[in-house]
Amino acid sequence: MVLPLVDQHRPKCHLCNRTFESVEKMRQHQEADHKDFVDFHKKREPAPGDVTVF
C-alpha cells in the first residue's frame, strides 16, 4: 500500500493499516484493538543461542 505524501509523517498500524496523529495514539490503539498480538510479543524471551551485545 502506498501512502499519499501528506500521510508519510504519520505513524501507521501495520496490523490494520490505519494512520494516527502520534505514536502514543497508535500504541493505545494497538493495546486496545490488537491486545492478543501485543501481549504475545511482550512475553517473548530470547531464543536459545541469541547473543546480547552490551
C-alpha atoms as a PDB file:
ATOM      1  CA  MET A   1       0.000   0.000   0.000  1.00  0.00           C
ATOM      2  CA  VAL A   2       1.387   3.398  -0.954  1.00  0.00           C
ATOM      3  CA  LEU A   3       0.537   6.320   1.316  1.00  0.00           C
ATOM      4  CA  PRO A   4      -0.075   9.778  -0.084  1.00  0.00           C
ATOM      5  CA  LEU A   5       2.706  12.276   0.612  1.00  0.00           C
ATOM      6  CA  VAL A   6       0.588  14.102   3.207  1.00  0.00           C
ATOM      7  CA  ASP A   7       0.398  10.940   5.378  1.00  0.00           C
ATOM      8  CA  GLN A   8       4.011   9.789   5.245  1.00  0.00           C
ATOM      9  CA  HIS A   9       4.940  11.540   8.502  1.00  0.00           C
ATOM     10  CA  ARG A  10       2.099   9.907  10.451  1.00  0.00           C
ATOM     11  CA  PRO A  11       2.616   6.582  12.279  1.00  0.00           C
ATOM     12  CA  LYS A  12       0.748   3.608  10.839  1.00  0.00           C
ATOM     13  CA  CYS A  13      -0.537   0.437  12.476  1.00  0.00           C
ATOM     14  CA  HIS A  14       0.817  -2.342  10.271  1.00  0.00           C
ATOM     15  CA  LEU A  15      -1.778  -4.785  11.577  1.00  0.00           C
ATOM     16  CA  CYS A  16      -4.817  -2.890  10.232  1.00  0.00           C
ATOM     17  CA  ASN A  17      -3.222  -0.130   8.063  1.00  0.00           C
ATOM     18  CA  ARG A  18      -4.758   2.794   9.988  1.00  0.00           C
ATOM     19  CA  THR A  19      -2.784   6.014  10.407  1.00  0.00           C
ATOM     20  CA  PHE A  20      -2.649   8.051  13.621  1.00  0.00           C
ATOM     21  CA  GLU A  21      -1.712  11.553  14.758  1.00  0.00           C
ATOM     22  CA  SER A  22       1.027  10.381  17.141  1.00  0.00           C
ATOM     23  CA  VAL A  23       2.942   7.290  18.169  1.00  0.00           C
ATOM     24  CA  GLU A  24       1.235   7.352  21.572  1.00  0.00           C
ATOM     25  CA  LYS A  25      -2.244   7.188  19.960  1.00  0.00           C
ATOM     26  CA  MET A  26      -1.064   4.308  17.783  1.00  0.00           C
ATOM     27  CA  ARG A  27       0.255   2.473  20.878  1.00  0.00           C
ATOM     28  CA  GLN A  28      -3.077   2.947  22.654  1.00  0.00           C
ATOM     29  CA  HIS A  29      -4.922   1.622  19.584  1.00  0.00           C
ATOM     30  CA  GLN A  30      -2.692  -1.452  19.373  1.00  0.00           C
ATOM     31  CA  GLU A  31      -3.032  -2.222  23.080  1.00  0.00           C
ATOM     32  CA  ALA A  32      -6.827  -1.929  22.848  1.00  0.00           C
ATOM     33  CA  ASP A  33      -7.678  -3.430  19.442  1.00  0.00           C
ATOM     34  CA  HIS A  34      -4.776  -5.853  18.953  1.00  0.00           C
ATOM     35  CA  LYS A  35      -4.304  -6.839  22.596  1.00  0.00           C
ATOM     36  CA  ASP A  36      -3.679 -10.538  21.904  1.00  0.00           C
ATOM     37  CA  PHE A  37      -0.916  -9.747  19.379  1.00  0.00           C
ATOM     38  CA  VAL A  38       0.763  -7.184  21.665  1.00  0.00           C
ATOM     39  CA  ASP A  39       0.586  -9.464  24.722  1.00  0.00           C
ATOM     40  CA  PHE A  40       2.058 -12.398  22.787  1.00  0.00           C
ATOM     41  CA  HIS A  41       5.057 -10.331  21.677  1.00  0.00           C
ATOM     42  CA  LYS A  42       5.640  -8.698  25.084  1.00  0.00           C
ATOM     43  CA  LYS A  43       6.128 -12.128  26.663  1.00  0.00           C
ATOM     44  CA  ARG A  44       8.809 -13.207  24.206  1.00  0.00           C
ATOM     45  CA  GLU A  45      12.118 -14.319  25.629  1.00  0.00           C
ATOM     46  CA  PRO A  46      15.440 -14.596  23.828  1.00  0.00           C
ATOM     47  CA  ALA A  47      15.751 -17.717  21.734  1.00  0.00           C
ATOM     48  CA  PRO A  48      18.462 -20.251  22.610  1.00  0.00           C
ATOM     49  CA  GLY A  49      21.736 -19.070  21.097  1.00  0.00           C
ATOM     50  CA  ASP A  50      20.788 -15.366  20.955  1.00  0.00           C
ATOM     51  CA  VAL A  51      23.701 -13.068  21.706  1.00  0.00           C
ATOM     52  CA  THR A  52      23.265  -9.951  23.832  1.00  0.00           C
ATOM     53  CA  VAL A  53      25.563  -7.042  22.978  1.00  0.00           C
ATOM     54  CA  PHE A  54      26.457  -4.722  25.851  1.00  0.00           C
END
